[in-house]
N, C-alpha and C. Protein backbone atom coordinates (compact mmCIF):
# COMPACT_ATOMS: atom_id res chain seq x y z
N MET A 1 -131.32 -68.28 94.48
CA MET A 1 -130.66 -68.14 93.36
C MET A 1 -129.32 -67.00 93.65
N SER A 2 -128.35 -67.26 93.12
CA SER A 2 -126.77 -66.51 93.77
C SER A 2 -126.67 -64.99 92.97
N LEU A 3 -126.68 -63.90 93.53
CA LEU A 3 -126.43 -62.76 92.93
C LEU A 3 -124.87 -62.69 92.01
N ILE A 4 -123.98 -63.48 92.54
CA ILE A 4 -122.72 -63.66 91.58
C ILE A 4 -122.93 -63.72 89.80
N ASN A 5 -122.29 -63.16 89.51
CA ASN A 5 -122.16 -62.63 88.01
C ASN A 5 -123.30 -62.20 87.76
N THR A 6 -124.36 -61.46 88.36
CA THR A 6 -125.66 -60.55 87.81
C THR A 6 -125.41 -59.30 87.74
N GLN A 7 -126.17 -58.67 86.83
CA GLN A 7 -125.87 -57.17 86.82
C GLN A 7 -126.94 -56.64 87.94
N VAL A 8 -126.30 -55.40 88.30
CA VAL A 8 -127.06 -54.61 89.74
C VAL A 8 -128.24 -54.11 89.31
N GLN A 9 -129.49 -53.98 89.67
CA GLN A 9 -130.34 -53.59 89.40
C GLN A 9 -130.30 -52.15 89.46
N PRO A 10 -131.39 -51.44 88.56
CA PRO A 10 -131.19 -50.37 88.63
C PRO A 10 -131.53 -49.70 89.89
N PHE A 11 -131.46 -48.65 90.48
CA PHE A 11 -131.50 -47.94 92.02
C PHE A 11 -131.11 -46.68 91.87
N LYS A 12 -131.78 -45.24 92.64
CA LYS A 12 -131.34 -44.18 92.96
C LYS A 12 -131.42 -44.11 94.69
N VAL A 13 -130.53 -43.90 94.96
CA VAL A 13 -131.07 -43.26 96.62
C VAL A 13 -129.84 -42.37 96.98
N ASN A 14 -130.24 -41.50 98.24
CA ASN A 14 -129.44 -40.02 98.50
C ASN A 14 -128.35 -40.83 99.39
N ALA A 15 -127.06 -39.75 99.74
CA ALA A 15 -126.07 -40.18 100.01
C ALA A 15 -125.39 -38.59 100.81
N PHE A 16 -124.74 -38.74 101.84
CA PHE A 16 -123.63 -37.97 102.79
C PHE A 16 -122.42 -38.17 102.31
N HIS A 17 -121.88 -37.42 101.46
CA HIS A 17 -120.79 -37.77 101.05
C HIS A 17 -119.82 -36.15 101.01
N ASN A 18 -118.52 -36.12 101.90
CA ASN A 18 -117.67 -35.02 102.36
C ASN A 18 -118.75 -33.52 102.25
N GLY A 19 -119.72 -33.68 103.10
CA GLY A 19 -120.48 -32.23 103.51
C GLY A 19 -121.31 -31.93 103.11
N GLU A 20 -121.68 -32.92 101.52
CA GLU A 20 -123.02 -32.53 100.52
C GLU A 20 -123.93 -33.72 100.30
N PHE A 21 -124.68 -33.65 100.46
CA PHE A 21 -126.12 -34.93 99.91
C PHE A 21 -125.51 -34.70 98.67
N ILE A 22 -125.93 -36.36 97.80
CA ILE A 22 -125.55 -36.49 96.61
C ILE A 22 -126.26 -37.68 96.54
N GLU A 23 -126.64 -37.84 95.29
CA GLU A 23 -127.42 -39.20 94.70
C GLU A 23 -126.77 -40.23 94.04
N VAL A 24 -127.36 -41.34 94.31
CA VAL A 24 -125.86 -42.36 94.37
C VAL A 24 -126.91 -43.19 93.06
N THR A 25 -126.53 -43.78 92.18
CA THR A 25 -127.71 -44.59 91.29
C THR A 25 -126.58 -46.02 90.65
N ASP A 26 -126.94 -46.79 90.09
CA ASP A 26 -126.70 -47.68 89.84
C ASP A 26 -125.44 -47.24 88.39
N GLN A 27 -125.91 -46.09 87.96
CA GLN A 27 -124.74 -45.76 87.10
C GLN A 27 -123.45 -45.13 87.30
N SER A 28 -123.52 -44.70 88.68
CA SER A 28 -122.78 -44.23 89.55
C SER A 28 -121.49 -45.61 89.47
N LEU A 29 -121.76 -46.71 89.63
CA LEU A 29 -121.17 -47.82 89.85
C LEU A 29 -120.59 -47.77 88.64
N GLN A 30 -120.95 -47.71 87.38
CA GLN A 30 -120.38 -47.86 86.51
C GLN A 30 -118.93 -47.51 85.94
N GLY A 31 -117.91 -48.07 85.11
CA GLY A 31 -117.10 -47.31 84.76
C GLY A 31 -115.72 -47.34 86.02
N LYS A 32 -116.26 -48.19 87.05
CA LYS A 32 -114.92 -48.14 88.49
C LYS A 32 -115.58 -49.37 88.88
N TRP A 33 -114.57 -49.92 89.22
CA TRP A 33 -114.84 -51.20 90.61
C TRP A 33 -115.81 -50.16 91.87
N SER A 34 -116.57 -50.68 92.36
CA SER A 34 -116.96 -50.71 94.02
C SER A 34 -117.16 -51.71 94.46
N VAL A 35 -117.60 -51.08 95.83
CA VAL A 35 -117.69 -51.76 97.18
C VAL A 35 -118.53 -51.35 97.98
N LEU A 36 -119.87 -52.03 98.15
CA LEU A 36 -121.17 -51.65 98.72
C LEU A 36 -120.76 -52.50 99.93
N ILE A 37 -121.09 -52.16 100.89
CA ILE A 37 -120.90 -52.26 102.43
C ILE A 37 -122.05 -51.98 103.14
N PHE A 38 -122.93 -52.82 103.33
CA PHE A 38 -123.82 -53.07 104.27
C PHE A 38 -124.21 -53.03 105.52
N MET A 39 -124.55 -52.00 106.22
CA MET A 39 -124.49 -52.32 108.08
C MET A 39 -125.98 -52.12 108.50
N PRO A 40 -126.01 -52.54 109.35
CA PRO A 40 -127.83 -52.57 110.15
C PRO A 40 -128.13 -51.23 110.12
N ALA A 41 -127.68 -50.33 110.81
CA ALA A 41 -128.33 -48.80 111.31
C ALA A 41 -127.05 -48.07 111.74
N ALA A 42 -127.45 -46.67 111.69
CA ALA A 42 -126.55 -45.68 111.97
C ALA A 42 -126.41 -45.68 113.58
N PHE A 43 -125.43 -44.83 113.98
CA PHE A 43 -125.90 -44.79 115.77
C PHE A 43 -125.72 -45.94 116.78
N THR A 44 -125.15 -46.81 115.98
CA THR A 44 -124.83 -48.41 116.72
C THR A 44 -123.74 -48.28 117.61
N PHE A 45 -123.04 -49.40 118.13
CA PHE A 45 -121.86 -49.32 118.73
C PHE A 45 -120.89 -50.09 117.91
N ASN A 46 -120.96 -51.34 116.60
CA ASN A 46 -120.08 -52.47 116.11
C ASN A 46 -119.99 -51.31 114.50
N CYS A 47 -121.02 -51.08 113.80
CA CYS A 47 -121.05 -50.27 112.81
C CYS A 47 -119.77 -49.26 112.64
N PRO A 48 -119.48 -48.31 113.82
CA PRO A 48 -118.85 -47.46 113.31
C PRO A 48 -117.32 -47.92 113.64
N THR A 49 -117.01 -48.79 114.69
CA THR A 49 -116.02 -49.79 114.08
C THR A 49 -115.32 -50.54 112.60
N GLU A 50 -116.53 -50.60 111.75
CA GLU A 50 -116.23 -51.17 110.54
C GLU A 50 -116.06 -49.98 109.74
N ILE A 51 -116.62 -48.68 109.88
CA ILE A 51 -116.89 -47.61 109.19
C ILE A 51 -115.03 -46.97 109.26
N GLU A 52 -114.68 -47.11 110.45
CA GLU A 52 -113.45 -46.86 111.02
C GLU A 52 -112.51 -47.62 110.03
N ASP A 53 -112.37 -48.76 110.00
CA ASP A 53 -111.64 -49.96 109.78
C ASP A 53 -111.74 -49.66 108.00
N ALA A 54 -112.88 -48.95 107.47
CA ALA A 54 -113.03 -48.74 105.95
C ALA A 54 -112.14 -47.55 105.58
N ALA A 55 -112.23 -46.64 106.42
CA ALA A 55 -111.44 -45.08 106.46
C ALA A 55 -110.33 -45.60 106.39
N ASN A 56 -109.64 -46.23 107.56
CA ASN A 56 -108.80 -46.45 107.38
C ASN A 56 -107.65 -47.20 106.51
N ASN A 57 -108.63 -48.08 105.56
CA ASN A 57 -107.91 -48.38 104.56
C ASN A 57 -108.77 -47.65 102.94
N TYR A 58 -109.32 -46.70 102.96
CA TYR A 58 -109.53 -45.60 101.99
C TYR A 58 -108.84 -45.59 100.50
N ALA A 59 -107.65 -45.44 101.22
CA ALA A 59 -106.21 -44.93 100.53
C ALA A 59 -105.98 -46.04 99.60
N GLU A 60 -106.01 -47.03 100.32
CA GLU A 60 -105.76 -48.65 99.52
C GLU A 60 -106.64 -48.59 98.23
N PHE A 61 -108.27 -48.49 98.60
CA PHE A 61 -109.17 -48.55 97.95
C PHE A 61 -108.94 -47.86 96.82
N GLN A 62 -108.83 -46.25 96.74
CA GLN A 62 -108.65 -45.71 95.98
C GLN A 62 -107.61 -45.69 95.34
N LYS A 63 -106.30 -46.54 95.17
CA LYS A 63 -105.35 -46.65 94.48
C LYS A 63 -105.50 -47.87 93.63
N ALA A 64 -106.78 -48.48 94.09
CA ALA A 64 -106.76 -49.77 93.56
C ALA A 64 -108.37 -49.76 92.63
N GLY A 65 -108.30 -48.02 92.22
CA GLY A 65 -109.17 -47.55 91.41
C GLY A 65 -110.75 -48.02 91.90
N ALA A 66 -111.04 -47.64 93.62
CA ALA A 66 -112.08 -48.64 93.87
C ALA A 66 -112.88 -47.19 94.25
N GLU A 67 -114.24 -47.41 94.18
CA GLU A 67 -114.94 -46.58 95.39
C GLU A 67 -115.99 -47.38 96.24
N VAL A 68 -115.93 -46.67 97.47
CA VAL A 68 -116.38 -47.73 98.93
C VAL A 68 -117.51 -47.05 99.26
N TYR A 69 -118.72 -47.77 99.52
CA TYR A 69 -119.96 -47.11 99.47
C TYR A 69 -120.32 -47.98 100.70
N ILE A 70 -120.93 -47.16 101.70
CA ILE A 70 -121.61 -47.64 102.84
C ILE A 70 -123.18 -47.76 102.80
N VAL A 71 -123.53 -48.16 103.14
CA VAL A 71 -125.72 -48.55 102.83
C VAL A 71 -125.97 -49.02 104.37
N THR A 72 -126.68 -48.17 104.78
CA THR A 72 -127.14 -48.39 106.17
C THR A 72 -129.09 -48.07 105.78
N THR A 73 -130.39 -48.81 106.60
CA THR A 73 -131.35 -48.17 106.49
C THR A 73 -132.06 -46.99 106.88
N ASP A 74 -131.09 -46.43 107.64
CA ASP A 74 -131.28 -44.70 108.05
C ASP A 74 -131.34 -43.92 106.66
N THR A 75 -131.80 -42.40 107.05
CA THR A 75 -132.07 -41.82 106.16
C THR A 75 -130.24 -40.98 105.92
N HIS A 76 -130.22 -40.42 104.73
CA HIS A 76 -129.03 -39.30 104.90
C HIS A 76 -128.54 -38.29 105.62
N PHE A 77 -129.80 -38.33 105.82
CA PHE A 77 -129.93 -37.08 107.02
C PHE A 77 -129.08 -37.44 107.99
N SER A 78 -129.53 -38.76 108.55
CA SER A 78 -128.97 -39.51 109.88
C SER A 78 -127.60 -39.61 109.51
N HIS A 79 -127.25 -39.94 108.54
CA HIS A 79 -125.86 -40.23 108.27
C HIS A 79 -124.59 -38.92 107.93
N LYS A 80 -125.48 -37.69 107.99
CA LYS A 80 -125.16 -36.63 108.13
C LYS A 80 -124.63 -35.96 109.48
N VAL A 81 -125.68 -36.46 110.54
CA VAL A 81 -125.24 -36.33 111.99
C VAL A 81 -124.14 -37.54 112.76
N TRP A 82 -125.00 -38.39 112.11
CA TRP A 82 -123.61 -39.34 112.61
C TRP A 82 -122.42 -39.28 111.83
N HIS A 83 -122.26 -38.69 110.88
CA HIS A 83 -120.36 -38.53 110.44
C HIS A 83 -120.00 -37.45 111.20
N GLU A 84 -121.10 -36.31 111.61
CA GLU A 84 -120.54 -35.03 112.71
C GLU A 84 -120.64 -35.26 114.05
N THR A 85 -120.98 -36.58 114.34
CA THR A 85 -120.92 -36.63 115.74
C THR A 85 -120.13 -37.81 116.38
N SER A 86 -119.93 -38.85 115.34
CA SER A 86 -119.09 -40.00 115.86
C SER A 86 -117.82 -40.07 115.16
N PRO A 87 -116.54 -39.92 116.60
CA PRO A 87 -115.54 -39.42 115.67
C PRO A 87 -114.51 -40.93 115.03
N ALA A 88 -115.19 -41.96 114.97
CA ALA A 88 -114.98 -42.93 113.89
C ALA A 88 -115.68 -42.99 112.69
N VAL A 89 -116.92 -42.52 112.56
CA VAL A 89 -117.56 -42.48 111.17
C VAL A 89 -117.06 -41.30 110.62
N GLY A 90 -116.49 -40.23 111.37
CA GLY A 90 -116.24 -38.91 110.76
C GLY A 90 -115.29 -38.66 109.93
N LYS A 91 -114.50 -40.52 110.16
CA LYS A 91 -113.14 -40.39 108.85
C LYS A 91 -113.68 -40.57 108.26
N ALA A 92 -114.89 -41.08 107.72
CA ALA A 92 -115.40 -41.44 106.36
C ALA A 92 -115.39 -40.29 105.11
N GLN A 93 -114.47 -40.74 103.88
CA GLN A 93 -114.64 -39.90 103.06
C GLN A 93 -115.40 -40.17 102.01
N PHE A 94 -115.93 -41.50 101.91
CA PHE A 94 -116.89 -42.20 100.91
C PHE A 94 -117.76 -41.84 101.13
N PRO A 95 -119.39 -42.02 100.23
CA PRO A 95 -120.49 -41.85 100.54
C PRO A 95 -121.01 -43.03 101.81
N LEU A 96 -122.34 -42.30 102.43
CA LEU A 96 -122.84 -42.83 103.45
C LEU A 96 -124.21 -42.74 102.31
N ILE A 97 -124.82 -43.69 102.11
CA ILE A 97 -125.85 -43.92 101.55
C ILE A 97 -127.00 -44.38 102.34
N GLY A 98 -128.38 -43.89 102.33
CA GLY A 98 -129.08 -43.68 103.19
C GLY A 98 -130.28 -44.65 102.49
N ASP A 99 -130.75 -46.21 102.69
CA ASP A 99 -131.79 -46.58 102.00
C ASP A 99 -132.88 -46.88 102.97
N PRO A 100 -133.81 -46.10 103.59
CA PRO A 100 -134.66 -45.84 103.77
C PRO A 100 -136.07 -46.72 103.74
N THR A 101 -135.86 -46.85 102.02
CA THR A 101 -136.97 -47.63 101.41
C THR A 101 -136.78 -49.01 101.01
N HIS A 102 -135.72 -49.43 101.70
CA HIS A 102 -135.08 -51.01 101.39
C HIS A 102 -134.97 -50.93 100.19
N GLN A 103 -134.90 -50.04 98.91
CA GLN A 103 -134.24 -50.68 97.81
C GLN A 103 -133.39 -51.51 97.83
N LEU A 104 -132.07 -50.76 98.51
CA LEU A 104 -131.15 -51.81 97.89
C LEU A 104 -131.16 -53.11 99.02
N THR A 105 -131.11 -52.85 100.50
CA THR A 105 -131.40 -53.93 100.97
C THR A 105 -131.89 -55.24 100.45
N ASN A 106 -132.94 -55.00 99.80
CA ASN A 106 -134.09 -56.15 99.11
C ASN A 106 -133.51 -56.30 97.65
N ALA A 107 -132.55 -55.67 97.24
CA ALA A 107 -131.93 -55.75 95.92
C ALA A 107 -131.27 -56.60 95.72
N PHE A 108 -130.12 -56.17 97.33
CA PHE A 108 -129.02 -57.17 97.21
C PHE A 108 -128.90 -58.25 98.83
N GLY A 109 -130.22 -58.61 98.90
CA GLY A 109 -130.91 -59.81 99.56
C GLY A 109 -130.35 -59.92 101.18
N VAL A 110 -130.19 -58.46 101.72
CA VAL A 110 -129.95 -58.48 102.96
C VAL A 110 -130.66 -57.58 103.95
N HIS A 111 -132.14 -57.76 103.23
CA HIS A 111 -132.91 -56.98 104.17
C HIS A 111 -133.40 -57.81 105.24
N ILE A 112 -133.63 -57.72 106.77
CA ILE A 112 -134.08 -58.17 107.68
C ILE A 112 -135.62 -57.37 107.90
N ALA A 113 -136.63 -57.87 107.14
CA ALA A 113 -138.10 -57.68 107.10
C ALA A 113 -138.60 -57.23 108.72
N GLU A 114 -138.39 -58.25 109.57
CA GLU A 114 -139.09 -57.60 110.94
C GLU A 114 -138.25 -56.78 111.64
N GLU A 115 -137.13 -56.45 111.11
CA GLU A 115 -136.40 -55.03 112.06
C GLU A 115 -136.27 -53.97 111.40
N GLY A 116 -136.34 -53.97 110.15
CA GLY A 116 -136.35 -52.91 108.89
C GLY A 116 -134.76 -52.86 108.94
N LEU A 117 -134.19 -53.72 109.27
CA LEU A 117 -132.56 -53.54 108.95
C LEU A 117 -131.89 -54.11 108.10
N ALA A 118 -130.44 -53.80 107.92
CA ALA A 118 -129.76 -55.03 106.91
C ALA A 118 -128.86 -55.61 107.46
N LEU A 119 -128.51 -56.75 106.87
CA LEU A 119 -127.54 -57.87 107.46
C LEU A 119 -126.18 -57.44 107.16
N ARG A 120 -124.88 -57.60 107.47
CA ARG A 120 -124.04 -57.29 107.18
C ARG A 120 -123.62 -58.40 105.92
N GLY A 121 -123.46 -57.01 104.55
CA GLY A 121 -123.20 -57.81 103.56
C GLY A 121 -122.06 -56.80 102.59
N THR A 122 -121.25 -57.63 102.20
CA THR A 122 -120.39 -56.93 101.54
C THR A 122 -120.21 -57.22 100.14
N PHE A 123 -120.51 -56.46 99.08
CA PHE A 123 -120.59 -56.70 97.45
C PHE A 123 -119.44 -55.98 96.78
N ILE A 124 -118.42 -56.72 96.31
CA ILE A 124 -117.58 -56.23 95.13
C ILE A 124 -117.93 -56.23 93.49
N ILE A 125 -118.11 -54.97 92.96
CA ILE A 125 -118.66 -54.41 91.98
C ILE A 125 -117.94 -54.50 91.06
N ASN A 126 -117.81 -55.17 89.51
CA ASN A 126 -116.97 -54.51 88.59
C ASN A 126 -117.57 -53.23 87.85
N PRO A 127 -116.30 -52.69 86.95
CA PRO A 127 -116.68 -51.86 86.31
C PRO A 127 -118.00 -51.84 85.06
N GLU A 128 -118.54 -53.18 84.82
CA GLU A 128 -119.45 -53.10 84.47
C GLU A 128 -120.79 -53.55 84.82
N GLY A 129 -120.74 -53.54 85.99
CA GLY A 129 -121.84 -53.25 87.24
C GLY A 129 -122.52 -54.61 87.59
N GLN A 130 -121.36 -56.20 87.70
CA GLN A 130 -121.26 -57.13 87.58
C GLN A 130 -121.20 -57.35 89.20
N ILE A 131 -121.87 -58.20 89.82
CA ILE A 131 -121.54 -58.27 91.26
C ILE A 131 -120.31 -59.68 91.29
N LYS A 132 -119.40 -59.74 91.56
CA LYS A 132 -118.16 -60.86 91.48
C LYS A 132 -117.85 -61.18 92.88
N THR A 133 -118.12 -60.57 93.72
CA THR A 133 -117.98 -61.37 95.45
C THR A 133 -119.28 -60.66 96.32
N LEU A 134 -119.44 -61.69 96.99
CA LEU A 134 -120.63 -61.15 97.96
C LEU A 134 -120.20 -61.92 99.24
N GLU A 135 -120.34 -61.41 100.31
CA GLU A 135 -120.25 -61.84 101.80
C GLU A 135 -121.67 -61.34 102.61
N ILE A 136 -122.39 -62.57 103.34
CA ILE A 136 -123.56 -62.10 104.57
C ILE A 136 -123.21 -62.57 105.47
N HIS A 137 -123.43 -62.04 107.04
CA HIS A 137 -123.65 -62.65 107.72
C HIS A 137 -124.03 -61.84 108.62
N SER A 138 -124.40 -62.77 109.53
CA SER A 138 -124.99 -61.85 111.23
C SER A 138 -124.41 -60.46 111.77
N ASN A 139 -125.25 -60.29 112.30
CA ASN A 139 -124.72 -58.87 112.79
C ASN A 139 -124.13 -58.79 113.61
N GLU A 140 -124.00 -59.50 114.56
CA GLU A 140 -123.39 -59.78 115.84
C GLU A 140 -121.45 -60.08 115.42
N ILE A 141 -121.37 -59.93 114.33
CA ILE A 141 -119.93 -60.37 113.67
C ILE A 141 -119.50 -59.26 112.51
N ALA A 142 -118.38 -58.36 113.29
CA ALA A 142 -117.98 -57.18 112.39
C ALA A 142 -116.93 -57.63 111.25
N ARG A 143 -116.76 -57.06 110.39
CA ARG A 143 -116.26 -57.48 109.13
C ARG A 143 -114.38 -56.69 109.46
N ASP A 144 -113.54 -57.40 108.68
CA ASP A 144 -112.22 -57.07 108.42
C ASP A 144 -112.19 -56.68 107.15
N VAL A 145 -112.27 -55.49 106.86
CA VAL A 145 -111.95 -54.75 105.56
C VAL A 145 -110.81 -54.89 104.87
N GLY A 146 -109.38 -55.23 105.57
CA GLY A 146 -108.59 -55.98 104.77
C GLY A 146 -108.81 -57.11 104.11
N GLU A 147 -109.61 -57.72 104.60
CA GLU A 147 -109.96 -59.07 103.54
C GLU A 147 -110.51 -58.39 102.41
N THR A 148 -111.72 -57.57 102.10
CA THR A 148 -112.27 -57.23 101.43
C THR A 148 -111.32 -56.77 100.33
N LEU A 149 -110.28 -55.99 100.43
CA LEU A 149 -109.45 -55.48 99.84
C LEU A 149 -108.83 -56.50 98.86
N ARG A 150 -108.28 -57.25 99.92
CA ARG A 150 -107.99 -58.66 99.61
C ARG A 150 -108.82 -59.18 98.19
N LYS A 151 -109.47 -59.17 98.49
CA LYS A 151 -110.78 -59.94 97.22
C LYS A 151 -110.88 -59.08 96.60
N LEU A 152 -111.28 -57.92 96.79
CA LEU A 152 -111.26 -56.66 95.15
C LEU A 152 -110.07 -57.17 94.81
N LYS A 153 -108.57 -57.05 94.93
CA LYS A 153 -107.36 -56.92 93.99
C LYS A 153 -107.36 -58.20 93.43
N ALA A 154 -108.13 -60.04 93.98
CA ALA A 154 -108.03 -60.82 93.50
C ALA A 154 -109.02 -60.80 92.24
N ALA A 155 -110.32 -59.96 92.60
CA ALA A 155 -111.25 -60.23 91.53
C ALA A 155 -110.64 -59.13 90.30
N GLN A 156 -109.90 -58.18 90.47
CA GLN A 156 -109.29 -57.34 89.36
C GLN A 156 -108.27 -57.94 88.86
N TYR A 157 -107.82 -59.02 89.54
CA TYR A 157 -106.42 -59.44 88.55
C TYR A 157 -107.01 -60.57 87.92
N THR A 158 -107.78 -61.49 87.93
CA THR A 158 -108.64 -62.61 87.09
C THR A 158 -108.78 -61.78 86.33
N ALA A 159 -110.08 -60.39 86.58
CA ALA A 159 -110.48 -59.66 85.54
C ALA A 159 -109.34 -59.32 84.21
N ALA A 160 -108.22 -59.11 84.31
CA ALA A 160 -107.46 -58.50 83.85
C ALA A 160 -106.68 -59.88 83.10
N HIS A 161 -106.59 -60.89 83.41
CA HIS A 161 -105.91 -62.23 83.21
C HIS A 161 -106.53 -63.38 83.39
N PRO A 162 -107.43 -63.25 81.83
CA PRO A 162 -108.50 -64.36 82.26
C PRO A 162 -107.71 -66.08 81.98
N GLY A 163 -108.08 -66.84 82.59
CA GLY A 163 -107.61 -68.08 82.54
C GLY A 163 -106.51 -68.44 83.70
N GLU A 164 -106.77 -67.58 84.77
CA GLU A 164 -105.84 -67.34 85.86
C GLU A 164 -106.80 -67.67 87.06
N VAL A 165 -106.31 -68.12 88.04
CA VAL A 165 -107.44 -68.19 89.56
C VAL A 165 -106.55 -67.63 90.26
N CYS A 166 -106.77 -66.97 91.36
CA CYS A 166 -106.21 -66.60 92.85
C CYS A 166 -106.52 -67.63 93.66
N PRO A 167 -105.28 -68.38 94.38
CA PRO A 167 -105.57 -69.67 95.03
C PRO A 167 -105.88 -69.12 96.44
N ALA A 168 -106.39 -69.59 97.59
CA ALA A 168 -106.32 -69.26 98.92
C ALA A 168 -105.35 -68.60 99.67
N LYS A 169 -105.63 -67.53 100.01
CA LYS A 169 -105.09 -66.47 100.80
C LYS A 169 -103.92 -65.35 99.76
N TRP A 170 -104.11 -65.82 98.30
CA TRP A 170 -103.33 -65.15 97.54
C TRP A 170 -103.60 -63.59 97.96
N LYS A 171 -102.05 -62.68 97.93
CA LYS A 171 -102.05 -61.56 97.87
C LYS A 171 -101.41 -60.76 96.60
N GLU A 172 -101.90 -59.89 96.33
CA GLU A 172 -100.95 -59.22 95.23
C GLU A 172 -99.86 -59.10 95.16
N GLY A 173 -99.40 -59.42 94.03
CA GLY A 173 -97.91 -59.76 93.53
C GLY A 173 -97.35 -61.41 93.52
N GLU A 174 -98.33 -62.02 94.34
CA GLU A 174 -98.34 -63.90 94.39
C GLU A 174 -98.67 -64.29 93.26
N LYS A 175 -98.18 -65.51 93.33
CA LYS A 175 -98.20 -66.47 92.09
C LYS A 175 -99.85 -66.97 92.34
N THR A 176 -100.38 -67.03 91.08
CA THR A 176 -101.41 -67.44 90.89
C THR A 176 -101.38 -68.50 90.39
N LEU A 177 -102.61 -69.51 89.63
CA LEU A 177 -102.59 -70.71 88.71
C LEU A 177 -103.40 -70.82 87.69
N ALA A 178 -102.80 -71.37 86.75
CA ALA A 178 -103.73 -71.53 85.45
C ALA A 178 -104.21 -73.02 85.42
N PRO A 179 -105.82 -72.78 85.55
CA PRO A 179 -106.31 -74.34 85.77
C PRO A 179 -105.98 -74.94 84.54
N SER A 180 -105.50 -76.25 84.82
CA SER A 180 -105.09 -77.18 83.52
C SER A 180 -105.55 -78.61 83.92
N LEU A 181 -105.89 -79.63 83.32
CA LEU A 181 -105.78 -81.23 83.15
C LEU A 181 -104.46 -81.41 84.66
N ASP A 182 -103.03 -81.01 84.11
CA ASP A 182 -101.97 -81.24 84.58
C ASP A 182 -102.07 -81.01 86.18
N LEU A 183 -102.99 -80.23 86.64
CA LEU A 183 -103.02 -79.65 87.73
C LEU A 183 -103.62 -80.85 88.82
N VAL A 184 -105.03 -81.63 87.64
CA VAL A 184 -105.60 -82.16 88.66
C VAL A 184 -104.86 -83.28 89.63
N GLY A 185 -105.00 -83.37 91.08
CA GLY A 185 -104.64 -84.54 91.80
C GLY A 185 -103.07 -83.94 92.19
N LYS A 186 -102.43 -82.97 91.87
CA LYS A 186 -101.31 -82.51 92.17
C LYS A 186 -101.07 -81.03 93.04
N ILE A 187 -101.95 -80.80 93.63
CA ILE A 187 -102.18 -79.65 94.67
C ILE A 187 -102.70 -80.28 95.47
């Protein structure tokens, strides 16, 4: 069963954020757009490149009214040290969530049981706590956070403009479509 348009299940986890340990819950996601980015593990070679990409785009996510959360199956203590020792991870100003009990990786369908790690999964969640987009893929393929930002803006646009859809490669400010019988077979 797809997680699209389903409600985020209740959860409570710890994170490292801006020099402090914080608690993040399903209630933390309410009232704003949220982007959960699952990664296999801290202290790896590919994950820091994605965190740096998210950090380099973080101002755009904030401008769009969204919070970014990185999730691995490590602890929040590991994330503190990872943040302090990796130049790429050190750029992160968003919460680094530890999920050592696999509560989140299981709830979002990205848990690899035989490895105790997560697949690379990206989830955009609306202010009501519903999953609007998801992407899950194999761990050897890192993501382009710019595409996640584009999908966030498309989800925000369609939420604000019911009855319109964003066509392929749509970018903010471009023309959308209003589905109708008149368009069938014309595009």
